């Protein structure tokens, strides 16, 4: 049995979070009151579809009624191309923006965080790629998510696709933390079935990876210099809540997309996942998917969801207690059963949830080719921040084996 250091010996609890979080149906109507405390010249970052909705018209009208001058950047694209950030800076750099609002899915929220940075400090977004390269706060950002899955409304990272580099790159800094988040599940009622499924799979993967992450027992210097310092007492609280909620809500939201209760539980779980990954971080599934997504142009949530069963089997020997505890969170723990038995029960339940979401069962469905394995594995190992979070040591050879099993749909238990 593999026995890495997974215990939180120092009893650390650490969160990074917005100043204000409002959750609940109808809370979007609080937006103008939060904005007016910060300024009156506002930029909304969103996409073209959102601008055609009554929700957008209503919120824009409320801001105007409260004395705000409202500008709109409505061309945010999926996976946030770097060119979007360049265009936004060119268009609004001299507009005197005081407050930025992100309204939409994860890319719109990431765009708002990037906009708050570059409108305050200028420069090319490339100057901020990496961890802690932002030296001071940007403009205040208020996030208003319309999907239940990315957690971007509360995270201090934005992910940008740089076409010239052919890869997604993260900008990670405590100064990207939104000032406030308004999480209104009514805004997800119009979310398409495909997007609902992809974001739900993303939230589930965030929670599983954060809960089973390595506890790094960071020093004071580590905490000061790095954002992702491992699972801890407080991230576990959010993971437990989020996993319990998704165990009850994901199948319901697929069966009845009009159920506000199911939407609310899923969105609360997504928020919990965002709070967890903000300091615990994600791990192997995200490190590997990033490279697969670049090759196949498939939805991020579907990619990490397709990988998750195989990554869980790889990681199980390194953190049996965490997986076993998840069985209890799902109400499936058997009294007197071994930890490994309960752990496997939890993994099978997670696979049921992924199946209900329509997540591909193997990598062939995503369009991955066997000749891509070596490249994907090499690139995944460059995501050192994510690899360091994984409870079991991640090597290139291990990634190749995960890919082989995931391609073949081999869900036998990983023998060590």
Protein backbone atom coordinates (compact mmCIF):
# COMPACT_ATOMS: atom_id res chain seq x y z
CA UNK A 1 0.00 0.00 0.00
CA UNK A 2 1.27 3.46 -0.93
CA UNK A 3 1.58 5.71 2.09
CA UNK A 4 2.36 9.32 1.15
CA UNK A 5 1.97 12.08 3.69
CA UNK A 6 -1.76 12.80 3.46
CA UNK A 7 -2.42 13.88 7.04
CA UNK A 8 -2.91 17.48 8.07
CA UNK A 9 -0.43 17.27 10.95
CA UNK A 10 -0.44 20.98 11.74
CA UNK A 11 -4.22 21.22 11.83
CA UNK A 12 -4.28 23.95 9.20
CA UNK A 13 -7.47 25.66 8.10
CA UNK A 14 -7.17 28.19 5.28
CA UNK A 15 -9.67 29.89 2.96
CA UNK A 16 -9.42 32.66 0.38
CA UNK A 17 -12.76 34.21 -0.41
CA UNK A 18 -14.69 37.29 -1.58
CA UNK A 19 -15.63 39.97 0.94
CA UNK A 20 -19.33 39.33 0.30
CA UNK A 21 -21.23 36.31 -1.00
CA UNK A 22 -24.98 36.48 -1.58
CA UNK A 23 -26.74 33.19 -2.30
CA UNK A 24 -30.35 32.48 -3.12
CA UNK A 25 -33.19 32.98 -5.60
CA UNK A 26 -33.66 36.65 -6.45
CA UNK A 27 -30.37 37.83 -4.95
CA UNK A 28 -29.33 39.24 -8.34
CA UNK A 29 -31.46 42.26 -7.50
CA UNK A 30 -28.86 43.22 -4.90
CA UNK A 31 -26.37 43.95 -7.68
CA UNK A 32 -26.88 47.75 -7.98
CA UNK A 33 -26.53 48.21 -4.23
CA UNK A 34 -23.19 46.40 -4.19
CA UNK A 35 -22.01 48.31 -7.25
CA UNK A 36 -22.93 51.78 -5.98
CA UNK A 37 -20.72 51.28 -2.92
CA UNK A 38 -17.76 50.92 -5.29
CA UNK A 39 -18.38 53.30 -8.18
CA UNK A 40 -20.78 54.34 -10.93
CA UNK A 41 -18.91 53.59 -14.17
CA UNK A 42 -19.45 49.91 -14.79
CA UNK A 43 -18.24 47.34 -17.31
CA UNK A 44 -20.23 44.10 -17.71
CA UNK A 45 -18.29 41.16 -19.19
CA UNK A 46 -20.64 38.63 -20.76
CA UNK A 47 -21.38 36.75 -23.98
CA UNK A 48 -23.68 37.46 -26.89
CA UNK A 49 -26.35 34.96 -25.84
CA UNK A 50 -26.67 36.51 -22.39
CA UNK A 51 -27.26 39.99 -23.83
CA UNK A 52 -30.42 38.71 -25.55
CA UNK A 53 -32.05 37.59 -22.29
CA UNK A 54 -34.56 39.38 -20.11
CA UNK A 55 -32.29 38.80 -17.12
CA UNK A 56 -29.54 40.86 -18.73
CA UNK A 57 -31.91 43.65 -19.75
CA UNK A 58 -33.38 43.72 -16.26
CA UNK A 59 -30.00 43.93 -14.48
CA UNK A 60 -28.65 46.54 -16.88
CA UNK A 61 -31.81 48.58 -16.37
CA UNK A 62 -31.49 48.40 -12.59
CA UNK A 63 -27.90 49.62 -12.74
CA UNK A 64 -28.93 52.55 -14.92
CA UNK A 65 -31.82 53.39 -12.59
CA UNK A 66 -29.34 53.56 -9.72
CA UNK A 67 -27.23 56.14 -11.53
CA UNK A 68 -24.61 53.90 -13.13
CA UNK A 69 -23.09 54.37 -16.56
CA UNK A 70 -23.02 50.88 -18.01
CA UNK A 71 -20.56 49.64 -20.64
CA UNK A 72 -20.76 46.11 -22.02
CA UNK A 73 -18.16 43.76 -23.46
CA UNK A 74 -20.38 41.04 -24.93
CA UNK A 75 -17.91 39.02 -27.00
CA UNK A 76 -16.51 36.66 -24.35
CA UNK A 77 -15.91 33.30 -26.00
CA UNK A 78 -15.68 29.83 -24.43
CA UNK A 79 -12.27 28.96 -22.96
CA UNK A 80 -11.46 32.71 -22.85
CA UNK A 81 -9.04 33.35 -25.73
CA UNK A 82 -6.27 35.82 -24.94
CA UNK A 83 -7.50 37.91 -27.87
CA UNK A 84 -10.67 38.69 -25.90
CA UNK A 85 -8.57 40.34 -23.20
CA UNK A 86 -6.61 42.31 -25.80
CA UNK A 87 -9.80 43.57 -27.45
CA UNK A 88 -11.35 44.54 -24.14
CA UNK A 89 -8.27 46.53 -23.10
CA UNK A 90 -8.23 48.36 -26.43
CA UNK A 91 -11.93 49.17 -26.27
CA UNK A 92 -12.32 50.20 -22.63
CA UNK A 93 -8.83 51.17 -21.47
CA UNK A 94 -9.73 54.87 -21.52
CA UNK A 95 -13.36 54.56 -20.39
CA UNK A 96 -12.69 55.27 -16.72
CA UNK A 97 -14.18 51.97 -15.55
CA UNK A 98 -14.57 51.79 -11.76
CA UNK A 99 -16.32 48.43 -11.28
CA UNK A 100 -16.29 45.24 -13.37
CA UNK A 101 -19.15 42.75 -13.38
CA UNK A 102 -18.80 39.19 -14.69
CA UNK A 103 -22.19 37.84 -15.79
CA UNK A 104 -22.35 34.36 -17.30
CA UNK A 105 -20.42 31.12 -17.22
CA UNK A 106 -16.87 30.50 -16.12
CA UNK A 107 -15.22 32.25 -19.07
CA UNK A 108 -17.26 35.42 -18.48
CA UNK A 109 -16.30 35.42 -14.80
CA UNK A 110 -12.63 34.80 -15.64
CA UNK A 111 -12.79 37.62 -18.19
CA UNK A 112 -14.12 39.99 -15.51
CA UNK A 113 -11.25 39.14 -13.20
CA UNK A 114 -8.74 39.66 -16.00
CA UNK A 115 -10.45 42.91 -16.98
CA UNK A 116 -10.19 44.22 -13.42
CA UNK A 117 -6.47 43.54 -13.61
CA UNK A 118 -5.56 44.95 -17.01
CA UNK A 119 -7.84 48.00 -16.81
CA UNK A 120 -6.16 48.96 -13.53
CA UNK A 121 -2.54 48.17 -14.40
CA UNK A 122 -2.36 47.97 -18.19
CA UNK A 123 -0.02 45.71 -20.09
CA UNK A 124 -0.60 42.45 -21.91
CA UNK A 125 -2.34 39.68 -20.00
CA UNK A 126 0.70 37.50 -20.78
CA UNK A 127 2.68 39.54 -18.25
CA UNK A 128 0.59 37.96 -15.48
CA UNK A 129 0.66 34.27 -16.51
CA UNK A 130 1.66 32.14 -13.55
CA UNK A 131 1.35 32.39 -9.80
CA UNK A 132 1.55 35.60 -7.79
CA UNK A 133 2.83 37.84 -10.58
CA UNK A 134 0.13 40.42 -9.82
CA UNK A 135 1.62 42.89 -7.36
CA UNK A 136 -1.45 44.87 -6.27
CA UNK A 137 -5.26 44.86 -6.45
CA UNK A 138 -7.07 45.63 -9.67
CA UNK A 139 -10.53 47.13 -10.05
CA UNK A 140 -13.23 45.64 -7.81
CA UNK A 141 -15.00 42.72 -9.50
CA UNK A 142 -18.49 41.40 -8.80
CA UNK A 143 -19.26 37.95 -10.19
CA UNK A 144 -22.76 36.77 -11.11
CA UNK A 145 -22.63 33.15 -12.36
CA UNK A 146 -25.32 31.70 -14.62
CA UNK A 147 -24.05 28.10 -14.50
CA UNK A 148 -23.58 25.70 -11.60
CA UNK A 149 -20.17 24.17 -11.90
CA UNK A 150 -17.00 26.16 -12.44
CA UNK A 151 -16.79 27.89 -9.04
CA UNK A 152 -15.07 30.80 -10.81
CA UNK A 153 -17.29 33.24 -8.94
CA UNK A 154 -15.16 32.80 -5.82
CA UNK A 155 -11.74 31.72 -7.08
CA UNK A 156 -8.60 33.81 -7.43
CA UNK A 157 -7.56 32.34 -10.77
CA UNK A 158 -8.46 33.02 -14.39
CA UNK A 159 -7.67 30.59 -17.19
CA UNK A 160 -6.80 32.03 -20.60
CA UNK A 161 -6.29 30.17 -23.88
CA UNK A 162 -3.21 31.49 -25.63
CA UNK A 163 -3.49 30.36 -29.26
CA UNK A 164 0.10 31.25 -30.08
CA UNK A 165 1.28 28.94 -27.32
CA UNK A 166 -1.41 26.37 -28.12
CA UNK A 167 -2.39 25.96 -24.48
CA UNK A 168 -4.45 27.23 -21.59
CA UNK A 169 -2.53 29.30 -19.05
CA UNK A 170 -3.55 30.27 -15.54
CA UNK A 171 -3.25 33.66 -13.88
CA UNK A 172 -3.29 32.97 -10.16
CA UNK A 173 -3.15 35.67 -7.51
CA UNK A 174 -4.95 36.64 -4.35
CA UNK A 175 -5.52 40.00 -6.08
CA UNK A 176 -7.81 38.29 -8.59
CA UNK A 177 -10.22 37.37 -5.81
CA UNK A 178 -13.63 38.93 -6.61
CA UNK A 179 -14.85 41.64 -4.27
CA UNK A 180 -18.31 40.07 -4.15
CA UNK A 181 -20.24 37.15 -5.63
CA UNK A 182 -23.98 37.01 -6.22
CA UNK A 183 -25.08 33.40 -6.67
CA UNK A 184 -28.70 33.28 -7.82
CA UNK A 185 -29.92 29.81 -8.88
CA UNK A 186 -32.78 31.32 -10.88
CA UNK A 187 -30.17 32.42 -13.42
CA UNK A 188 -29.35 28.76 -14.16
CA UNK A 189 -32.89 27.79 -15.14
CA UNK A 190 -32.19 28.70 -18.77
CA UNK A 191 -28.90 26.77 -18.82
CA UNK A 192 -28.91 24.18 -21.63
CA UNK A 193 -28.86 20.45 -20.75
CA UNK A 194 -25.38 20.07 -22.25
CA UNK A 195 -23.91 22.96 -20.28
CA UNK A 196 -25.71 21.85 -17.12
CA UNK A 197 -24.12 18.41 -17.46
CA UNK A 198 -20.62 19.68 -18.26
CA UNK A 199 -20.54 22.17 -15.39
CA UNK A 200 -22.03 19.61 -13.00
CA UNK A 201 -19.25 17.17 -13.87
CA UNK A 202 -16.71 19.92 -13.33
CA UNK A 203 -18.06 20.72 -9.85
CA UNK A 204 -18.07 17.03 -8.91
CA UNK A 205 -14.46 16.65 -10.06
CA UNK A 206 -13.40 19.77 -8.14
CA UNK A 207 -14.88 18.34 -4.94
CA UNK A 208 -13.44 14.85 -5.34
CA UNK A 209 -9.96 16.16 -6.13
CA UNK A 210 -9.95 18.74 -3.35
CA UNK A 211 -11.19 16.23 -0.77
CA UNK A 212 -8.62 13.61 -1.72
CA UNK A 213 -5.74 16.06 -2.31
CA UNK A 214 -2.46 15.83 -0.49
CA UNK A 215 -2.22 17.72 2.81
CA UNK A 216 1.03 19.61 2.41
CA UNK A 217 1.51 20.96 5.95
CA UNK A 218 2.80 24.27 4.57
CA UNK A 219 5.11 26.63 6.42
CA UNK A 220 4.35 30.33 6.93
CA UNK A 221 6.56 31.09 3.93
CA UNK A 222 4.69 28.53 1.81
CA UNK A 223 1.36 30.13 2.66
CA UNK A 224 2.70 33.60 1.90
CA UNK A 225 4.20 32.61 -1.46
CA UNK A 226 1.75 30.06 -2.84
CA UNK A 227 -2.00 29.96 -3.37
CA UNK A 228 -2.50 26.21 -3.43
CA UNK A 229 -1.18 24.74 -0.21
CA UNK A 230 -3.15 21.49 -0.02
CA UNK A 231 -6.36 20.26 1.54
CA UNK A 232 -7.04 21.50 5.04
CA UNK A 233 -9.67 21.62 7.75
CA UNK A 234 -11.73 24.38 6.16
CA UNK A 235 -11.62 23.13 2.58
CA UNK A 236 -12.79 19.75 3.88
CA UNK A 237 -15.87 21.43 5.39
CA UNK A 238 -16.83 22.79 1.98
CA UNK A 239 -16.03 19.50 0.25
CA UNK A 240 -18.23 17.51 2.61
CA UNK A 241 -21.14 19.89 2.10
CA UNK A 242 -20.68 20.02 -1.68
CA UNK A 243 -20.39 16.26 -2.14
CA UNK A 244 -23.51 15.64 -0.04
CA UNK A 245 -25.45 18.18 -2.09
CA UNK A 246 -24.36 16.78 -5.46
CA UNK A 247 -25.17 13.26 -4.33
CA UNK A 248 -28.75 14.46 -3.90
CA UNK A 249 -29.11 16.96 -6.73
CA UNK A 250 -27.21 16.02 -9.89
CA UNK A 251 -29.58 13.28 -11.03
CA UNK A 252 -32.58 15.48 -10.17
CA UNK A 253 -31.31 18.46 -12.16
CA UNK A 254 -30.84 16.21 -15.20
CA UNK A 255 -34.28 14.64 -14.82
CA UNK A 256 -36.03 17.98 -14.22
CA UNK A 257 -34.01 21.02 -15.36
CA UNK A 258 -36.86 23.28 -14.24
CA UNK A 259 -36.50 22.25 -10.58
CA UNK A 260 -35.30 25.34 -8.72
CA UNK A 261 -34.52 23.23 -5.66
CA UNK A 262 -32.21 20.95 -7.64
CA UNK A 263 -30.63 23.96 -9.38
CA UNK A 264 -30.06 25.66 -6.02
CA UNK A 265 -28.42 22.60 -4.47
CA UNK A 266 -26.17 22.13 -7.49
CA UNK A 267 -25.19 25.80 -7.49
CA UNK A 268 -24.46 25.74 -3.77
CA UNK A 269 -22.27 22.68 -4.33
CA UNK A 270 -20.45 24.51 -7.12
CA UNK A 271 -19.79 27.42 -4.75
CA UNK A 272 -18.48 24.96 -2.14
CA UNK A 273 -16.18 23.46 -4.76
CA UNK A 274 -14.85 26.89 -5.68
CA UNK A 275 -14.13 27.66 -2.06
CA UNK A 276 -12.26 24.36 -1.71
CA UNK A 277 -10.10 24.60 -4.82
CA UNK A 278 -9.16 28.18 -3.96
CA UNK A 279 -6.59 26.86 -1.48
CA UNK A 280 -6.56 23.08 -1.94
CA UNK A 281 -6.37 23.18 -5.73
CA UNK A 282 -7.22 20.47 -8.24
CA UNK A 283 -5.03 17.54 -9.21
CA UNK A 284 -4.40 14.85 -11.84
CA UNK A 285 -7.72 14.93 -13.70
CA UNK A 286 -7.35 18.64 -14.36
CA UNK A 287 -3.66 18.41 -15.23
CA UNK A 288 -4.35 15.74 -17.85
CA UNK A 289 -7.58 17.23 -19.25
CA UNK A 290 -6.05 20.58 -20.02
CA UNK A 291 -3.86 18.98 -22.66
CA UNK A 292 -6.67 16.74 -23.96
CA UNK A 293 -8.98 19.73 -24.25
CA UNK A 294 -6.44 21.58 -26.39
CA UNK A 295 -6.25 18.61 -28.77
CA UNK A 296 -9.91 17.63 -28.99
CA UNK A 297 -11.67 20.97 -28.36
CA UNK A 298 -14.13 19.20 -26.05
CA UNK A 299 -15.87 20.68 -23.02
CA UNK A 300 -13.68 20.94 -19.95
CA UNK A 301 -16.28 19.41 -17.63
CA UNK A 302 -16.83 16.42 -19.88
CA UNK A 303 -13.07 15.92 -20.12
CA UNK A 304 -12.35 15.92 -16.40
CA UNK A 305 -15.48 13.83 -15.82
CA UNK A 306 -14.34 11.22 -18.33
CA UNK A 307 -10.94 11.00 -16.64
CA UNK A 308 -12.20 11.00 -13.07
CA UNK A 309 -13.09 7.27 -12.71
CA UNK A 310 -9.59 6.28 -13.79
CA UNK A 311 -7.81 8.95 -11.75
CA UNK A 312 -9.81 7.88 -8.67
CA UNK A 313 -8.72 4.27 -9.17
CA UNK A 314 -5.11 5.39 -9.52
CA UNK A 315 -5.32 7.55 -6.37
CA UNK A 316 -7.38 5.18 -4.20
CA UNK A 317 -4.42 3.27 -2.69
CA UNK A 318 -2.87 6.56 -1.55
CA UNK A 319 -5.90 7.94 0.30
CA UNK A 320 -8.37 5.21 1.19
CA UNK A 321 -9.77 7.08 4.26
CA UNK A 322 -10.97 10.08 2.22
CA UNK A 323 -12.68 7.92 -0.38
CA UNK A 324 -14.23 5.80 2.37
CA UNK A 325 -15.61 8.90 4.08
CA UNK A 326 -17.32 9.89 0.83
CA UNK A 327 -19.46 6.76 1.07
CA UNK A 328 -20.86 8.16 4.30
CA UNK A 329 -21.47 11.55 2.68
CA UNK A 330 -23.53 9.78 0.01
CA UNK A 331 -25.40 7.78 2.66
CA UNK A 332 -23.90 4.52 1.42
CA UNK A 333 -21.37 3.55 4.10
CA UNK A 334 -21.86 0.02 5.41
CA UNK A 335 -21.32 -0.53 9.12
CA UNK A 336 -18.62 -3.11 9.65
CA UNK A 337 -17.37 -2.87 6.08
CA UNK A 338 -13.69 -2.27 5.48
CA UNK A 339 -12.46 1.17 4.51
CA UNK A 340 -11.50 -0.14 1.08
CA UNK A 341 -15.00 -1.57 0.61
CA UNK A 342 -16.68 1.73 1.48
CA UNK A 343 -14.14 3.61 -0.65
CA UNK A 344 -14.99 1.53 -3.68
CA UNK A 345 -18.71 2.06 -3.01
CA UNK A 346 -18.14 5.82 -3.08
CA UNK A 347 -16.24 5.63 -6.37
CA UNK A 348 -19.00 3.57 -7.97
CA UNK A 349 -21.57 6.14 -6.80
CA UNK A 350 -19.55 8.97 -8.33
CA UNK A 351 -19.50 7.01 -11.58
CA UNK A 352 -23.29 6.69 -11.42
CA UNK A 353 -23.55 10.47 -11.12
CA UNK A 354 -21.20 10.97 -14.07
CA UNK A 355 -23.26 8.51 -16.12
CA UNK A 356 -26.47 10.39 -15.29
CA UNK A 357 -24.80 13.54 -16.63
CA UNK A 358 -23.96 11.79 -19.90
CA UNK A 359 -20.20 12.03 -19.38
CA UNK A 360 -18.27 9.93 -21.92
CA UNK A 361 -17.31 6.57 -20.51
CA UNK A 362 -13.89 6.54 -22.12
CA UNK A 363 -11.44 8.81 -23.91
CA UNK A 364 -12.24 7.41 -27.34
CA UNK A 365 -15.56 9.26 -27.16
CA UNK A 366 -13.64 12.50 -26.65
CA UNK A 367 -11.58 11.90 -29.79
CA UNK A 368 -8.30 11.15 -28.03
CA UNK A 369 -5.89 9.05 -30.11
CA UNK A 370 -3.39 6.55 -28.75
CA UNK A 371 -0.60 8.36 -30.59
CA UNK A 372 -1.37 11.42 -28.43
CA UNK A 373 -0.65 9.66 -25.13
CA UNK A 374 3.04 10.50 -24.89
CA UNK A 375 2.45 14.17 -25.72
CA UNK A 376 -0.47 14.49 -23.30
CA UNK A 377 1.51 12.86 -20.51
CA UNK A 378 4.55 15.07 -21.11
CA UNK A 379 2.41 18.19 -21.13
CA UNK A 380 0.46 17.11 -18.03
CA UNK A 381 3.71 16.85 -16.10
CA UNK A 382 4.36 20.53 -16.82
CA UNK A 383 1.36 21.34 -14.61
CA UNK A 384 3.58 20.96 -11.57
CA UNK A 385 1.21 22.87 -9.29
CA UNK A 386 -1.57 20.33 -9.97
CA UNK A 387 0.68 17.28 -9.93
CA UNK A 388 1.96 18.31 -6.50
CA UNK A 389 -1.60 18.23 -5.16
CA UNK A 390 -2.26 14.66 -6.24
CA UNK A 391 -2.34 12.21 -3.30
CA UNK A 392 -0.33 9.63 -5.22
CA UNK A 393 2.95 10.63 -6.87
CA UNK A 394 2.26 11.44 -10.51
CA UNK A 395 4.87 10.46 -13.09
CA UNK A 396 4.77 10.54 -16.86
CA UNK A 397 4.57 6.75 -16.88
CA UNK A 398 1.61 6.83 -14.49
CA UNK A 399 -0.21 9.36 -16.67
CA UNK A 400 0.32 7.14 -19.71
CA UNK A 401 -1.17 4.20 -17.83
CA UNK A 402 -4.15 6.31 -16.74
CA UNK A 403 -4.67 7.31 -20.38
CA UNK A 404 -4.42 3.69 -21.55
CA UNK A 405 -7.02 2.54 -19.05
CA UNK A 406 -9.28 5.52 -19.75
CA UNK A 407 -9.04 4.90 -23.50
CA UNK A 408 -9.91 1.23 -23.08
CA UNK A 409 -12.66 1.89 -20.54
CA UNK A 410 -10.83 -0.38 -18.09
CA UNK A 411 -12.49 0.17 -14.70
CA UNK A 412 -10.89 -2.69 -12.87
CA UNK A 413 -9.38 -1.76 -9.52
CA UNK A 414 -5.81 -0.59 -9.69
CA UNK A 415 -3.48 -3.09 -8.05
CA UNK A 416 -0.34 -1.70 -6.42
